[in-house]
Amino acid sequence: MATFLTRIELHSADAADYQRLHEEMAKKGFSRAIPDDNGVKYYLPTAEYYWEGNLSAEAVRQLADIAIAATGKAGWVITAQWASASWRLPRA
């Protein structure tokens, strides 16, 4: 199983647009929290998402593209696959 972080920036968007994005990303299996090795979850920064599964980075990014399109806004997106990470984030 692979893990991914995806960051999105919607253009000309307000808080309601980002709320819609969060909802659409959740429908695609993305989470706004990231688990540590013990399963404790931590909140990610705004418009950053965690995804775990057996897809390529491009396929995960395409899922995010579908969520972005559902907002009716244009946006930038980057998805990165990773094996190890370190963070200082608030506990979920």
Protein backbone atom coordinates (compact mmCIF):
# COMPACT_ATOMS: atom_id res chain seq x y z
CA MET A 1 0.00 0.00 0.00
CA ALA A 2 1.31 3.46 -0.89
CA THR A 3 0.77 6.75 0.92
CA PHE A 4 0.29 10.13 -0.72
CA LEU A 5 -0.01 13.79 0.21
CA THR A 6 -1.96 16.08 -2.10
CA ARG A 7 -1.98 19.87 -1.90
CA ILE A 8 -4.59 21.96 -3.71
CA GLU A 9 -4.94 25.68 -4.25
CA LEU A 10 -8.26 26.80 -5.68
CA HIS A 11 -8.23 30.02 -7.70
CA SER A 12 -10.64 32.87 -6.86
CA ALA A 13 -12.16 30.73 -4.12
CA ASP A 14 -13.84 31.49 -0.82
CA ALA A 15 -14.41 29.41 2.30
CA ALA A 16 -17.54 27.79 0.83
CA ASP A 17 -15.55 26.64 -2.21
CA TYR A 18 -12.97 25.03 0.05
CA GLN A 19 -15.72 23.36 2.09
CA ARG A 20 -17.08 21.87 -1.12
CA LEU A 21 -13.54 20.75 -2.02
CA HIS A 22 -13.15 19.03 1.36
CA GLU A 23 -16.44 17.19 0.82
CA GLU A 24 -15.52 16.12 -2.71
CA MET A 25 -12.06 14.97 -1.64
CA ALA A 26 -13.60 12.90 1.17
CA LYS A 27 -15.84 11.18 -1.40
CA LYS A 28 -12.63 10.14 -3.22
CA GLY A 29 -11.10 8.66 -0.07
CA PHE A 30 -8.89 11.59 0.93
CA SER A 31 -8.51 12.57 4.56
CA ARG A 32 -7.65 15.92 6.10
CA ALA A 33 -5.77 14.08 8.86
CA ILE A 34 -2.63 11.97 8.71
CA PRO A 35 -1.96 8.95 10.95
CA ASP A 36 1.36 8.32 12.68
CA ASP A 37 2.91 4.87 13.04
CA ASN A 38 0.65 4.20 16.06
CA GLY A 39 -2.54 5.25 14.27
CA VAL A 40 -2.82 8.60 16.08
CA LYS A 41 -4.23 11.15 13.63
CA TYR A 42 -3.05 14.74 13.14
CA TYR A 43 -4.77 17.55 11.23
CA LEU A 44 -3.12 18.59 7.99
CA PRO A 45 -2.81 22.23 6.89
CA THR A 46 -5.75 23.66 4.94
CA ALA A 47 -6.30 22.06 1.52
CA GLU A 48 -3.73 19.32 2.11
CA TYR A 49 -4.93 15.73 2.05
CA TYR A 50 -3.75 12.24 2.89
CA TRP A 51 -4.58 9.22 0.73
CA GLU A 52 -3.55 5.58 1.08
CA GLY A 53 -4.04 2.88 -1.52
CA ASN A 54 -2.70 1.00 -4.50
CA LEU A 55 -2.69 3.69 -7.18
CA SER A 56 0.05 5.70 -8.86
CA ALA A 57 0.69 9.32 -7.92
CA GLU A 58 -0.81 10.34 -11.26
CA ALA A 59 -4.01 8.36 -10.59
CA VAL A 60 -4.34 9.90 -7.12
CA ARG A 61 -3.82 13.36 -8.63
CA GLN A 62 -6.54 12.60 -11.17
CA LEU A 63 -8.94 11.83 -8.31
CA ALA A 64 -8.11 15.26 -6.89
CA ASP A 65 -8.71 16.82 -10.33
CA ILE A 66 -12.24 15.38 -10.32
CA ALA A 67 -12.87 16.87 -6.87
CA ILE A 68 -11.53 20.25 -7.99
CA ALA A 69 -13.80 20.21 -11.05
CA ALA A 70 -16.82 19.56 -8.81
CA THR A 71 -16.18 22.90 -7.07
CA GLY A 72 -16.56 24.78 -10.36
CA LYS A 73 -13.20 26.44 -9.70
CA ALA A 74 -9.81 26.13 -11.37
CA GLY A 75 -6.93 25.10 -9.20
CA TRP A 76 -3.40 23.88 -8.83
CA VAL A 77 -2.65 20.43 -7.45
CA ILE A 78 0.42 18.44 -6.52
CA THR A 79 0.45 14.84 -5.33
CA ALA A 80 3.52 13.17 -3.87
CA GLN A 81 4.03 9.57 -2.85
CA TRP A 82 6.13 9.14 0.28
CA ALA A 83 7.56 6.39 2.46
CA SER A 84 8.61 8.46 5.48
CA ALA A 85 7.55 11.81 6.88
CA SER A 86 7.97 13.94 9.98
CA TRP A 87 5.59 16.63 11.19
CA ARG A 88 4.51 18.96 13.95
CA LEU A 89 0.74 19.22 13.63
CA PRO A 90 -2.24 19.45 16.00
CA ARG A 91 -3.73 16.16 17.10
CA ALA A 92 -7.07 15.32 15.49
